[in-house]
């Protein structure tokens, strides 16, 4: 059942203050995922699947694509001083690569985290 349209420029909470609605629309993550090194998804928003592409290489696909591959996306794994991540962005997905800095090789790490914005 549809209830119609609600239009507002500001949301006000009785004790926490006010927030402009454009922050909610433009400033919130549009997708996020908490996954594992086998690309299983533990928790997510707007993330339909994960693919294990090999050691340290994962793709997480969005349920609803971003407007372009130029969206903002950040990702990480449970880090240590010898680990780094790199990401490759597409409108419909994000690849995250987990590297061991000292050996310069891809390495599985748990858990994986990605947050993205700019939904189409």
PDB file of N, CA and C in Angstrom:
ATOM      1  N   UNK A   1       0.839  -1.166   0.000  1.00  0.00           N
ATOM      2  CA  UNK A   1       0.000   0.000   0.000  1.00  0.00           C
ATOM      3  C   UNK A   1       0.887   1.232   0.000  1.00  0.00           C
ATOM      4  N   UNK A   2       0.668   2.145  -0.889  1.00  0.00           N
ATOM      5  CA  UNK A   2       1.428   3.394  -0.966  1.00  0.00           C
ATOM      6  C   UNK A   2       0.764   4.448  -0.087  1.00  0.00           C
ATOM      7  N   UNK A   3       1.600   5.227   0.592  1.00  0.00           N
ATOM      8  CA  UNK A   3       1.088   6.264   1.473  1.00  0.00           C
ATOM      9  C   UNK A   3       1.317   7.666   0.935  1.00  0.00           C
ATOM     10  N   UNK A   4       1.857   7.803  -0.275  1.00  0.00           N
ATOM     11  CA  UNK A   4       2.055   9.124  -0.851  1.00  0.00           C
ATOM     12  C   UNK A   4       3.480   9.610  -0.700  1.00  0.00           C
ATOM     13  N   UNK A   5       3.657  10.901  -0.781  1.00  0.00           N
ATOM     14  CA  UNK A   5       4.975  11.527  -0.758  1.00  0.00           C
ATOM     15  C   UNK A   5       5.099  12.439   0.449  1.00  0.00           C
ATOM     16  N   UNK A   6       6.229  12.361   1.091  1.00  0.00           N
ATOM     17  CA  UNK A   6       6.552  13.239   2.209  1.00  0.00           C
ATOM     18  C   UNK A   6       7.668  14.163   1.748  1.00  0.00           C
ATOM     19  N   UNK A   7       7.471  15.479   1.851  1.00  0.00           N
ATOM     20  CA  UNK A   7       8.472  16.451   1.434  1.00  0.00           C
ATOM     21  C   UNK A   7       8.871  17.281   2.643  1.00  0.00           C
ATOM     22  N   UNK A   8      10.190  17.375   2.848  1.00  0.00           N
ATOM     23  CA  UNK A   8      10.692  18.161   3.972  1.00  0.00           C
ATOM     24  C   UNK A   8      12.112  18.612   3.671  1.00  0.00           C
ATOM     25  N   UNK A   9      12.475  19.803   4.108  1.00  0.00           N
ATOM     26  CA  UNK A   9      13.834  20.304   3.951  1.00  0.00           C
ATOM     27  C   UNK A   9      14.681  20.044   5.183  1.00  0.00           C
ATOM     28  N   UNK A  10      14.047  19.831   6.324  1.00  0.00           N
ATOM     29  CA  UNK A  10      14.768  19.630   7.576  1.00  0.00           C
ATOM     30  C   UNK A  10      14.077  18.544   8.393  1.00  0.00           C
ATOM     31  N   UNK A  11      14.891  17.692   9.019  1.00  0.00           N
ATOM     32  CA  UNK A  11      14.387  16.716   9.981  1.00  0.00           C
ATOM     33  C   UNK A  11      14.804  17.201  11.361  1.00  0.00           C
ATOM     34  N   UNK A  12      13.875  17.206  12.294  1.00  0.00           N
ATOM     35  CA  UNK A  12      14.176  17.667  13.648  1.00  0.00           C
ATOM     36  C   UNK A  12      13.852  16.565  14.646  1.00  0.00           C
ATOM     37  N   UNK A  13      14.817  16.289  15.524  1.00  0.00           N
ATOM     38  CA  UNK A  13      14.639  15.312  16.593  1.00  0.00           C
ATOM     39  C   UNK A  13      14.405  16.076  17.888  1.00  0.00           C
ATOM     40  N   UNK A  14      13.597  15.534  18.774  1.00  0.00           N
ATOM     41  CA  UNK A  14      13.218  16.267  19.990  1.00  0.00           C
ATOM     42  C   UNK A  14      14.399  16.584  20.897  1.00  0.00           C
ATOM     43  N   UNK A  15      15.455  15.771  20.890  1.00  0.00           N
ATOM     44  CA  UNK A  15      16.604  16.049  21.761  1.00  0.00           C
ATOM     45  C   UNK A  15      17.927  16.138  21.015  1.00  0.00           C
ATOM     46  N   UNK A  16      18.023  15.614  19.803  1.00  0.00           N
ATOM     47  CA  UNK A  16      19.310  15.542  19.101  1.00  0.00           C
ATOM     48  C   UNK A  16      19.537  16.679  18.120  1.00  0.00           C
ATOM     49  N   UNK A  17      18.577  17.553  17.908  1.00  0.00           N
ATOM     50  CA  UNK A  17      18.765  18.675  16.995  1.00  0.00           C
ATOM     51  C   UNK A  17      18.164  18.431  15.634  1.00  0.00           C
ATOM     52  N   UNK A  18      18.627  19.229  14.643  1.00  0.00           N
ATOM     53  CA  UNK A  18      18.067  19.193  13.292  1.00  0.00           C
ATOM     54  C   UNK A  18      19.118  18.808  12.272  1.00  0.00           C
ATOM     55  N   UNK A  19      18.642  18.341  11.120  1.00  0.00           N
ATOM     56  CA  UNK A  19      19.508  17.921  10.034  1.00  0.00           C
ATOM     57  C   UNK A  19      18.811  18.232   8.716  1.00  0.00           C
ATOM     58  N   UNK A  20      19.525  18.880   7.799  1.00  0.00           N
ATOM     59  CA  UNK A  20      18.962  19.149   6.478  1.00  0.00           C
ATOM     60  C   UNK A  20      18.797  17.832   5.723  1.00  0.00           C
ATOM     61  N   UNK A  21      17.680  17.661   5.033  1.00  0.00           N
ATOM     62  CA  UNK A  21      17.418  16.404   4.331  1.00  0.00           C
ATOM     63  C   UNK A  21      18.373  16.169   3.170  1.00  0.00           C
ATOM     64  N   UNK A  22      18.979  17.232   2.593  1.00  0.00           N
ATOM     65  CA  UNK A  22      19.934  17.000   1.511  1.00  0.00           C
ATOM     66  C   UNK A  22      21.161  16.245   2.020  1.00  0.00           C
ATOM     67  N   UNK A  23      21.503  16.357   3.325  1.00  0.00           N
ATOM     68  CA  UNK A  23      22.586  15.563   3.889  1.00  0.00           C
ATOM     69  C   UNK A  23      22.211  14.089   3.877  1.00  0.00           C
ATOM     70  N   UNK A  24      20.988  13.785   4.197  1.00  0.00           N
ATOM     71  CA  UNK A  24      20.533  12.398   4.205  1.00  0.00           C
ATOM     72  C   UNK A  24      20.583  11.824   2.791  1.00  0.00           C
ATOM     73  N   UNK A  25      20.158  12.593   1.807  1.00  0.00           N
ATOM     74  CA  UNK A  25      20.142  12.131   0.423  1.00  0.00           C
ATOM     75  C   UNK A  25      21.547  12.070  -0.165  1.00  0.00           C
ATOM     76  N   UNK A  26      22.349  13.128   0.001  1.00  0.00           N
ATOM     77  CA  UNK A  26      23.656  13.217  -0.640  1.00  0.00           C
ATOM     78  C   UNK A  26      24.818  12.762   0.219  1.00  0.00           C
ATOM     79  N   UNK A  27      24.664  12.723   1.522  1.00  0.00           N
ATOM     80  CA  UNK A  27      25.796  12.480   2.379  1.00  0.00           C
ATOM     81  C   UNK A  27      25.857  11.113   3.023  1.00  0.00           C
ATOM     82  N   UNK A  28      24.963  10.238   2.699  1.00  0.00           N
ATOM     83  CA  UNK A  28      24.932   8.927   3.331  1.00  0.00           C
ATOM     84  C   UNK A  28      25.504   7.858   2.412  1.00  0.00           C
ATOM     85  N   UNK A  29      26.038   6.802   3.015  1.00  0.00           N
ATOM     86  CA  UNK A  29      26.492   5.673   2.208  1.00  0.00           C
ATOM     87  C   UNK A  29      25.308   5.082   1.470  1.00  0.00           C
ATOM     88  N   UNK A  30      25.513   4.728   0.226  1.00  0.00           N
ATOM     89  CA  UNK A  30      24.468   4.129  -0.585  1.00  0.00           C
ATOM     90  C   UNK A  30      24.652   2.627  -0.708  1.00  0.00           C
ATOM     91  N   UNK A  31      25.814   2.144  -0.281  1.00  0.00           N
ATOM     92  CA  UNK A  31      26.078   0.713  -0.227  1.00  0.00           C
ATOM     93  C   UNK A  31      27.202   0.483   0.768  1.00  0.00           C
ATOM     94  N   UNK A  32      27.156  -0.635   1.456  1.00  0.00           N
ATOM     95  CA  UNK A  32      28.262  -1.045   2.298  1.00  0.00           C
ATOM     96  C   UNK A  32      28.220  -2.556   2.444  1.00  0.00           C
ATOM     97  N   UNK A  33      29.358  -3.116   2.775  1.00  0.00           N
ATOM     98  CA  UNK A  33      29.431  -4.564   2.957  1.00  0.00           C
ATOM     99  C   UNK A  33      30.473  -4.894   4.020  1.00  0.00           C
ATOM    100  N   UNK A  34      30.153  -5.879   4.812  1.00  0.00           N
ATOM    101  CA  UNK A  34      31.083  -6.510   5.748  1.00  0.00           C
ATOM    102  C   UNK A  34      31.155  -7.950   5.285  1.00  0.00           C
ATOM    103  N   UNK A  35      32.290  -8.318   4.686  1.00  0.00           N
ATOM    104  CA  UNK A  35      32.419  -9.651   4.116  1.00  0.00           C
ATOM    105  C   UNK A  35      33.658 -10.365   4.623  1.00  0.00           C
ATOM    106  N   UNK A  36      33.897 -11.547   4.065  1.00  0.00           N
ATOM    107  CA  UNK A  36      35.028 -12.382   4.461  1.00  0.00           C
ATOM    108  C   UNK A  36      35.898 -12.732   3.271  1.00  0.00           C
ATOM    109  N   UNK A  37      37.052 -13.352   3.545  1.00  0.00           N
ATOM    110  CA  UNK A  37      38.020 -13.638   2.493  1.00  0.00           C
ATOM    111  C   UNK A  37      37.551 -14.700   1.502  1.00  0.00           C
ATOM    112  N   UNK A  38      36.415 -15.332   1.727  1.00  0.00           N
ATOM    113  CA  UNK A  38      35.817 -16.202   0.715  1.00  0.00           C
ATOM    114  C   UNK A  38      34.678 -15.476  -0.006  1.00  0.00           C
ATOM    115  N   UNK A  39      34.580 -14.149   0.197  1.00  0.00           N
ATOM    116  CA  UNK A  39      33.605 -13.255  -0.436  1.00  0.00           C
ATOM    117  C   UNK A  39      32.180 -13.481   0.051  1.00  0.00           C
ATOM    118  N   UNK A  40      32.006 -14.199   1.154  1.00  0.00           N
ATOM    119  CA  UNK A  40      30.664 -14.270   1.745  1.00  0.00           C
ATOM    120  C   UNK A  40      30.348 -12.930   2.393  1.00  0.00           C
ATOM    121  N   UNK A  41      29.072 -12.591   2.408  1.00  0.00           N
ATOM    122  CA  UNK A  41      28.612 -11.326   2.965  1.00  0.00           C
ATOM    123  C   UNK A  41      27.987 -11.599   4.325  1.00  0.00           C
ATOM    124  N   UNK A  42      28.555 -10.978   5.371  1.00  0.00           N
ATOM    125  CA  UNK A  42      27.987 -11.107   6.715  1.00  0.00           C
ATOM    126  C   UNK A  42      26.839 -10.130   6.900  1.00  0.00           C
ATOM    127  N   UNK A  43      27.067  -8.877   6.530  1.00  0.00           N
ATOM    128  CA  UNK A  43      26.053  -7.834   6.617  1.00  0.00           C
ATOM    129  C   UNK A  43      26.276  -6.888   5.458  1.00  0.00           C
ATOM    130  N   UNK A  44      25.188  -6.257   4.971  1.00  0.00           N
ATOM    131  CA  UNK A  44      25.362  -5.343   3.844  1.00  0.00           C
ATOM    132  C   UNK A  44      24.131  -4.465   3.646  1.00  0.00           C
ATOM    133  N   UNK A  45      24.322  -3.449   2.835  1.00  0.00           N
ATOM    134  CA  UNK A  45      23.247  -2.600   2.337  1.00  0.00           C
ATOM    135  C   UNK A  45      23.492  -2.432   0.849  1.00  0.00           C
ATOM    136  N   UNK A  46      22.516  -2.736   0.010  1.00  0.00           N
ATOM    137  CA  UNK A  46      22.591  -2.570  -1.437  1.00  0.00           C
ATOM    138  C   UNK A  46      23.750  -3.357  -2.042  1.00  0.00           C
ATOM    139  N   UNK A  47      24.083  -4.505  -1.475  1.00  0.00           N
ATOM    140  CA  UNK A  47      25.135  -5.367  -2.014  1.00  0.00           C
ATOM    141  C   UNK A  47      24.516  -6.737  -2.241  1.00  0.00           C
ATOM    142  N   UNK A  48      24.494  -7.171  -3.510  1.00  0.00           N
ATOM    143  CA  UNK A  48      23.776  -8.395  -3.843  1.00  0.00           C
ATOM    144  C   UNK A  48      24.623  -9.653  -3.769  1.00  0.00           C
ATOM    145  N   UNK A  49      25.941  -9.539  -4.041  1.00  0.00           N
ATOM    146  CA  UNK A  49      26.759 -10.744  -4.048  1.00  0.00           C
ATOM    147  C   UNK A  49      28.232 -10.401  -3.910  1.00  0.00           C
ATOM    148  N   UNK A  50      28.994 -11.412  -3.534  1.00  0.00           N
ATOM    149  CA  UNK A  50      30.439 -11.303  -3.462  1.00  0.00           C
ATOM    150  C   UNK A  50      31.069 -12.422  -4.261  1.00  0.00           C
ATOM    151  N   UNK A  51      32.206 -12.146  -4.901  1.00  0.00           N
ATOM    152  CA  UNK A  51      32.916 -13.142  -5.692  1.00  0.00           C
ATOM    153  C   UNK A  51      34.369 -13.191  -5.249  1.00  0.00           C
ATOM    154  N   UNK A  52      34.857 -14.378  -4.964  1.00  0.00           N
ATOM    155  CA  UNK A  52      36.264 -14.582  -4.638  1.00  0.00           C
ATOM    156  C   UNK A  52      36.985 -14.831  -5.954  1.00  0.00           C
ATOM    157  N   UNK A  53      37.788 -13.864  -6.389  1.00  0.00           N
ATOM    158  CA  UNK A  53      38.500 -13.963  -7.671  1.00  0.00           C
ATOM    159  C   UNK A  53      39.877 -14.602  -7.537  1.00  0.00           C
ATOM    160  N   UNK A  54      40.214 -15.081  -6.374  1.00  0.00           N
ATOM    161  CA  UNK A  54      41.532 -15.647  -6.107  1.00  0.00           C
ATOM    162  C   UNK A  54      42.091 -14.995  -4.857  1.00  0.00           C
ATOM    163  N   UNK A  55      43.271 -15.391  -4.470  1.00  0.00           N
ATOM    164  CA  UNK A  55      43.886 -14.901  -3.238  1.00  0.00           C
ATOM    165  C   UNK A  55      43.928 -13.379  -3.201  1.00  0.00           C
ATOM    166  N   UNK A  56      43.306 -12.788  -2.190  1.00  0.00           N
ATOM    167  CA  UNK A  56      43.354 -11.352  -1.967  1.00  0.00           C
ATOM    168  C   UNK A  56      42.618 -10.494  -2.975  1.00  0.00           C
ATOM    169  N   UNK A  57      41.742 -11.067  -3.804  1.00  0.00           N
ATOM    170  CA  UNK A  57      41.051 -10.346  -4.872  1.00  0.00           C
ATOM    171  C   UNK A  57      39.562 -10.674  -4.806  1.00  0.00           C
ATOM    172  N   UNK A  58      38.739  -9.658  -4.516  1.00  0.00           N
ATOM    173  CA  UNK A  58      37.305  -9.874  -4.306  1.00  0.00           C
ATOM    174  C   UNK A  58      36.488  -8.840  -5.065  1.00  0.00           C
ATOM    175  N   UNK A  59      35.324  -9.246  -5.554  1.00  0.00           N
ATOM    176  CA  UNK A  59      34.384  -8.326  -6.184  1.00  0.00           C
ATOM    177  C   UNK A  59      33.075  -8.386  -5.416  1.00  0.00           C
ATOM    178  N   UNK A  60      32.550  -7.202  -5.058  1.00  0.00           N
ATOM    179  CA  UNK A  60      31.235  -7.112  -4.440  1.00  0.00           C
ATOM    180  C   UNK A  60      30.344  -6.318  -5.382  1.00  0.00           C
ATOM    181  N   UNK A  61      29.208  -6.906  -5.755  1.00  0.00           N
ATOM    182  CA  UNK A  61      28.296  -6.335  -6.735  1.00  0.00           C
ATOM    183  C   UNK A  61      27.134  -5.652  -6.031  1.00  0.00           C
ATOM    184  N   UNK A  62      26.784  -4.452  -6.510  1.00  0.00           N
ATOM    185  CA  UNK A  62      25.700  -3.681  -5.919  1.00  0.00           C
ATOM    186  C   UNK A  62      24.354  -4.138  -6.471  1.00  0.00           C
ATOM    187  N   UNK A  63      23.344  -4.119  -5.645  1.00  0.00           N
ATOM    188  CA  UNK A  63      21.977  -4.418  -6.075  1.00  0.00           C
ATOM    189  C   UNK A  63      21.506  -3.339  -7.039  1.00  0.00           C
ATOM    190  N   UNK A  64      21.734  -2.075  -6.686  1.00  0.00           N
ATOM    191  CA  UNK A  64      21.423  -0.927  -7.537  1.00  0.00           C
ATOM    192  C   UNK A  64      22.736  -0.205  -7.823  1.00  0.00           C
ATOM    193  N   UNK A  65      23.067  -0.032  -9.092  1.00  0.00           N
ATOM    194  CA  UNK A  65      24.348   0.558  -9.494  1.00  0.00           C
ATOM    195  C   UNK A  65      24.492   2.003  -9.051  1.00  0.00           C
ATOM    196  N   UNK A  66      25.736   2.440  -8.921  1.00  0.00           N
ATOM    197  CA  UNK A  66      26.045   3.842  -8.696  1.00  0.00           C
ATOM    198  C   UNK A  66      25.875   4.583 -10.018  1.00  0.00           C
ATOM    199  N   UNK A  67      25.852   5.917  -9.988  1.00  0.00           N
ATOM    200  CA  UNK A  67      25.629   6.679 -11.219  1.00  0.00           C
ATOM    201  C   UNK A  67      26.791   6.556 -12.197  1.00  0.00           C
ATOM    202  N   UNK A  68      28.015   6.448 -11.698  1.00  0.00           N
ATOM    203  CA  UNK A  68      29.196   6.263 -12.553  1.00  0.00           C
ATOM    204  C   UNK A  68      30.237   5.464 -11.781  1.00  0.00           C
ATOM    205  N   UNK A  69      31.320   5.106 -12.470  1.00  0.00           N
ATOM    206  CA  UNK A  69      32.438   4.449 -11.799  1.00  0.00           C
ATOM    207  C   UNK A  69      33.235   5.433 -10.955  1.00  0.00           C
ATOM    208  N   UNK A  70      32.902   6.730 -11.036  1.00  0.00           N
ATOM    209  CA  UNK A  70      33.620   7.757 -10.290  1.00  0.00           C
ATOM    210  C   UNK A  70      33.023   8.020  -8.914  1.00  0.00           C
ATOM    211  N   UNK A  71      32.192   7.124  -8.423  1.00  0.00           N
ATOM    212  CA  UNK A  71      31.610   7.306  -7.089  1.00  0.00           C
ATOM    213  C   UNK A  71      32.698   7.183  -6.019  1.00  0.00           C
ATOM    214  N   UNK A  72      32.390   7.672  -4.850  1.00  0.00           N
ATOM    215  CA  UNK A  72      33.321   7.568  -3.736  1.00  0.00           C
ATOM    216  C   UNK A  72      33.161   6.207  -3.082  1.00  0.00           C
ATOM    217  N   UNK A  73      34.268   5.537  -2.877  1.00  0.00           N
ATOM    218  CA  UNK A  73      34.232   4.230  -2.244  1.00  0.00           C
ATOM    219  C   UNK A  73      35.490   4.063  -1.406  1.00  0.00           C
ATOM    220  N   UNK A  74      35.352   3.540  -0.219  1.00  0.00           N
ATOM    221  CA  UNK A  74      36.492   3.248   0.642  1.00  0.00           C
ATOM    222  C   UNK A  74      36.394   1.799   1.078  1.00  0.00           C
ATOM    223  N   UNK A  75      37.544   1.188   1.284  1.00  0.00           N
ATOM    224  CA  UNK A  75      37.548  -0.193   1.703  1.00  0.00           C
ATOM    225  C   UNK A  75      38.778  -0.514   2.517  1.00  0.00           C
ATOM    226  N   UNK A  76      38.656  -1.543   3.318  1.00  0.00           N
ATOM    227  CA  UNK A  76      39.792  -1.986   4.112  1.00  0.00           C
ATOM    228  C   UNK A  76      39.547  -3.416   4.568  1.00  0.00           C
ATOM    229  N   UNK A  77      40.568  -3.975   5.158  1.00  0.00           N
ATOM    230  CA  UNK A  77      40.457  -5.264   5.822  1.00  0.00           C
ATOM    231  C   UNK A  77      40.921  -5.053   7.252  1.00  0.00           C
ATOM    232  N   UNK A  78      40.806  -6.084   8.038  1.00  0.00           N
ATOM    233  CA  UNK A  78      41.385  -5.967   9.384  1.00  0.00           C
ATOM    234  C   UNK A  78      42.876  -5.799   9.166  1.00  0.00           C
ATOM    235  N   UNK A  79      43.382  -4.669   9.541  1.00  0.00           N
ATOM    236  CA  UNK A  79      44.732  -4.297   9.143  1.00  0.00           C
ATOM    237  C   UNK A  79      45.789  -4.644  10.174  1.00  0.00           C
ATOM    238  N   UNK A  80      46.982  -4.744   9.657  1.00  0.00           N
ATOM    239  CA  UNK A  80      48.185  -4.809  10.472  1.00  0.00           C
ATOM    240  C   UNK A  80      49.192  -3.895   9.790  1.00  0.00           C
ATOM    241  N   UNK A  81      50.342  -3.721  10.359  1.00  0.00           N
ATOM    242  CA  UNK A  81      51.304  -2.778   9.789  1.00  0.00           C
ATOM    243  C   UNK A  81      51.873  -3.239   8.453  1.00  0.00           C
ATOM    244  N   UNK A  82      51.686  -4.505   8.090  1.00  0.00           N
ATOM    245  CA  UNK A  82      52.249  -5.016   6.840  1.00  0.00           C
ATOM    246  C   UNK A  82      51.193  -5.257   5.765  1.00  0.00           C
ATOM    247  N   UNK A  83      50.043  -4.588   5.857  1.00  0.00           N
ATOM    248  CA  UNK A  83      48.937  -4.851   4.941  1.00  0.00           C
ATOM    249  C   UNK A  83      48.430  -3.563   4.319  1.00  0.00           C
ATOM    250  N   UNK A  84      48.001  -3.650   3.053  1.00  0.00           N
ATOM    251  CA  UNK A  84      47.428  -2.508   2.349  1.00  0.00           C
ATOM    252  C   UNK A  84      46.293  -3.001   1.459  1.00  0.00           C
ATOM    253  N   UNK A  85      45.366  -2.100   1.098  1.00  0.00           N
ATOM    254  CA  UNK A  85      44.294  -2.458   0.173  1.00  0.00           C
ATOM    255  C   UNK A  85      44.273  -1.485  -0.994  1.00  0.00           C
ATOM    256  N   UNK A  86      43.835  -1.977  -2.135  1.00  0.00           N
ATOM    257  CA  UNK A  86      43.630  -1.183  -3.334  1.00  0.00           C
ATOM    258  C   UNK A  86      42.246  -1.528  -3.860  1.00  0.00           C
ATOM    259  N   UNK A  87      41.591  -0.551  -4.504  1.00  0.00           N
ATOM    260  CA  UNK A  87      40.250  -0.800  -5.013  1.00  0.00           C
ATOM    261  C   UNK A  87      40.144  -0.411  -6.474  1.00  0.00           C
ATOM    262  N   UNK A  88      39.311  -1.125  -7.207  1.00  0.00           N
ATOM    263  CA  UNK A  88      38.970  -0.825  -8.588  1.00  0.00           C
ATOM    264  C   UNK A  88      37.463  -0.628  -8.630  1.00  0.00           C
ATOM    265  N   UNK A  89      37.031   0.576  -9.044  1.00  0.00           N
ATOM    266  CA  UNK A  89      35.616   0.925  -9.001  1.00  0.00           C
ATOM    267  C   UNK A  89      34.943   0.758 -10.353  1.00  0.00           C
ATOM    268  N   UNK A  90      33.708   0.294 -10.325  1.00  0.00           N
ATOM    269  CA  UNK A  90      32.819   0.259 -11.483  1.00  0.00           C
ATOM    270  C   UNK A  90      31.461   0.724 -10.971  1.00  0.00           C
ATOM    271  N   UNK A  91      30.574   1.112 -11.853  1.00  0.00           N
ATOM    272  CA  UNK A  91      29.256   1.582 -11.419  1.00  0.00           C
ATOM    273  C   UNK A  91      28.478   0.481 -10.705  1.00  0.00           C
ATOM    274  N   UNK A  92      28.633  -0.750 -11.144  1.00  0.00           N
ATOM    275  CA  UNK A  92      27.835  -1.850 -10.606  1.00  0.00           C
ATOM    276  C   UNK A  92      28.552  -2.673  -9.539  1.00  0.00           C
ATOM    277  N   UNK A  93      29.854  -2.407  -9.296  1.00  0.00           N
ATOM    278  CA  UNK A  93      30.596  -3.231  -8.346  1.00  0.00           C
ATOM    279  C   UNK A  93      31.877  -2.541  -7.906  1.00  0.00           C
ATOM    280  N   UNK A  94      32.511  -3.128  -6.899  1.00  0.00           N
ATOM    281  CA  UNK A  94      33.823  -2.681  -6.449  1.00  0.00           C
ATOM    282  C   UNK A  94      34.691  -3.904  -6.232  1.00  0.00           C
ATOM    283  N   UNK A  95      35.910  -3.858  -6.776  1.00  0.00           N
ATOM    284  CA  UNK A  95      36.911  -4.873  -6.494  1.00  0.00           C
ATOM    285  C   UNK A  95      37.803  -4.352  -5.384  1.00  0.00           C
ATOM    286  N   UNK A  96      38.125  -5.211  -4.437  1.00  0.00           N
ATOM    287  CA  UNK A  96      39.069  -4.844  -3.388  1.00  0.00           C
ATOM    288  C   UNK A  96      40.188  -5.883  -3.392  1.00  0.00           C
ATOM    289  N   UNK A  97      41.422  -5.379  -3.342  1.00  0.00           N
ATOM    290  CA  UNK A  97      42.612  -6.219  -3.351  1.00  0.00           C
ATOM    291  C   UNK A  97      43.343  -6.023  -2.032  1.00  0.00           C
ATOM    292  N   UNK A  98      43.745  -7.106  -1.397  1.00  0.00           N
ATOM    293  CA  UNK A  98      44.447  -7.063  -0.124  1.00  0.00           C
ATOM    294  C   UNK A  98      45.887  -7.509  -0.342  1.00  0.00           C
ATOM    295  N   UNK A  99      46.842  -6.621  -0.007  1.00  0.00           N
ATOM    296  CA  UNK A  99      48.266  -6.870  -0.246  1.00  0.00           C
ATOM    297  C   UNK A  99      49.043  -6.990   1.052  1.00  0.00           C
ATOM    298  N   UNK A 100      50.050  -7.842   1.026  1.00  0.00           N
ATOM    299  CA  UNK A 100      51.066  -7.859   2.067  1.00  0.00           C
ATOM    300  C   UNK A 100      52.181  -6.926   1.590  1.00  0.00           C
ATOM    301  N   UNK A 101      52.452  -5.878   2.345  1.00  0.00           N
ATOM    302  CA  UNK A 101      53.416  -4.860   1.920  1.00  0.00           C
ATOM    303  C   UNK A 101      54.827  -5.427   1.823  1.00  0.00           C
ATOM    304  N   UNK A 102      55.229  -6.236   2.771  1.00  0.00           N
ATOM    305  CA  UNK A 102      56.616  -6.722   2.771  1.00  0.00           C
ATOM    306  C   UNK A 102      56.903  -7.706   1.639  1.00  0.00           C
ATOM    307  N   UNK A 103      55.950  -8.563   1.289  1.00  0.00           N
ATOM    308  CA  UNK A 103      56.185  -9.541   0.217  1.00  0.00           C
ATOM    309  C   UNK A 103      55.660  -9.067  -1.140  1.00  0.00           C
ATOM    310  N   UNK A 104      54.910  -7.949  -1.166  1.00  0.00           N
ATOM    311  CA  UNK A 104      54.312  -7.407  -2.394  1.00  0.00           C
ATOM    312  C   UNK A 104      53.405  -8.424  -3.085  1.00  0.00           C
ATOM    313  N   UNK A 105      52.691  -9.217  -2.292  1.00  0.00           N
ATOM    314  CA  UNK A 105      51.816 -10.232  -2.871  1.00  0.00           C
ATOM    315  C   UNK A 105      50.407 -10.096  -2.303  1.00  0.00           C
ATOM    316  N   UNK A 106      49.440 -10.563  -3.104  1.00  0.00           N
ATOM    317  CA  UNK A 106      48.059 -10.584  -2.637  1.00  0.00           C
ATOM    318  C   UNK A 106      47.921 -11.599  -1.513  1.00  0.00           C
ATOM    319  N   UNK A 107      47.062 -11.269  -0.546  1.00  0.00           N
ATOM    320  CA  UNK A 107      46.913 -12.105   0.625  1.00  0.00           C
ATOM    321  C   UNK A 107      45.483 -12.014   1.148  1.00  0.00           C
ATOM    322  N   UNK A 108      44.904 -13.153   1.542  1.00  0.00           N
ATOM    323  CA  UNK A 108      43.562 -13.159   2.120  1.00  0.00           C
ATOM    324  C   UNK A 108      43.599 -12.559   3.514  1.00  0.00           C
ATOM    325  N   UNK A 109      42.610 -11.689   3.806  1.00  0.00           N
ATOM    326  CA  UNK A 109      42.454 -11.092   5.133  1.00  0.00           C
ATOM    327  C   UNK A 109      40.972 -11.062   5.474  1.00  0.00           C
ATOM    328  N   UNK A 110      40.650 -11.265   6.732  1.00  0.00           N
ATOM    329  CA  UNK A 110      39.273 -11.167   7.216  1.00  0.00           C
ATOM    330  C   UNK A 110      39.199 -10.124   8.307  1.00  0.00           C
ATOM    331  N   UNK A 111      38.088  -9.415   8.425  1.00  0.00           N
ATOM    332  CA  UNK A 111      37.005  -9.275   7.447  1.00  0.00           C
ATOM    333  C   UNK A 111      37.347  -8.200   6.427  1.00  0.00           C
ATOM    334  N   UNK A 112      36.478  -8.062   5.423  1.00  0.00           N
ATOM    335  CA  UNK A 112      36.586  -7.030   4.393  1.00  0.00           C
ATOM    336  C   UNK A 112      35.496  -6.004   4.629  1.00  0.00           C
ATOM    337  N   UNK A 113      35.817  -4.725   4.405  1.00  0.00           N
ATOM    338  CA  UNK A 113      34.836  -3.657   4.579  1.00  0.00           C
ATOM    339  C   UNK A 113      34.842  -2.755   3.345  1.00  0.00           C
ATOM    340  N   UNK A 114      33.671  -2.406   2.839  1.00  0.00           N
ATOM    341  CA  UNK A 114      33.538  -1.437   1.748  1.00  0.00           C
ATOM    342  C   UNK A 114      32.361  -0.524   2.058  1.00  0.00           C
ATOM    343  N   UNK A 115      32.524   0.770   1.797  1.00  0.00           N
ATOM    344  CA  UNK A 115      31.420   1.734   1.893  1.00  0.00           C
ATOM    345  C   UNK A 115      31.460   2.591   0.643  1.00  0.00           C
ATOM    346  N   UNK A 116      30.308   2.821   0.012  1.00  0.00           N
ATOM    347  CA  UNK A 116      30.254   3.572  -1.250  1.00  0.00           C
ATOM    348  C   UNK A 116      29.110   4.571  -1.240  1.00  0.00           C
ATOM    349  N   UNK A 117      29.266   5.635  -2.040  1.00  0.00           N
ATOM    350  CA  UNK A 117      28.241   6.663  -2.151  1.00  0.00           C
ATOM    351  C   UNK A 117      27.897   6.968  -3.591  1.00  0.00           C
ATOM    352  N   UNK A 118      26.970   7.896  -3.826  1.00  0.00           N
ATOM    353  CA  UNK A 118      26.598   8.375  -5.156  1.00  0.00           C
ATOM    354  C   UNK A 118      25.713   7.419  -5.924  1.00  0.00           C
ATOM    355  N   UNK A 119      24.652   6.950  -5.319  1.00  0.00           N
ATOM    356  CA  UNK A 119      23.705   6.051  -5.966  1.00  0.00           C
ATOM    357  C   UNK A 119      23.022   6.737  -7.133  1.00  0.00           C
ATOM    358  N   UNK A 120      22.826   6.010  -8.211  1.00  0.00           N
ATOM    359  CA  UNK A 120      22.195   6.563  -9.411  1.00  0.00           C
ATOM    360  C   UNK A 120      20.767   6.980  -9.153  1.00  0.00           C
TER     361      UNK A 120
END
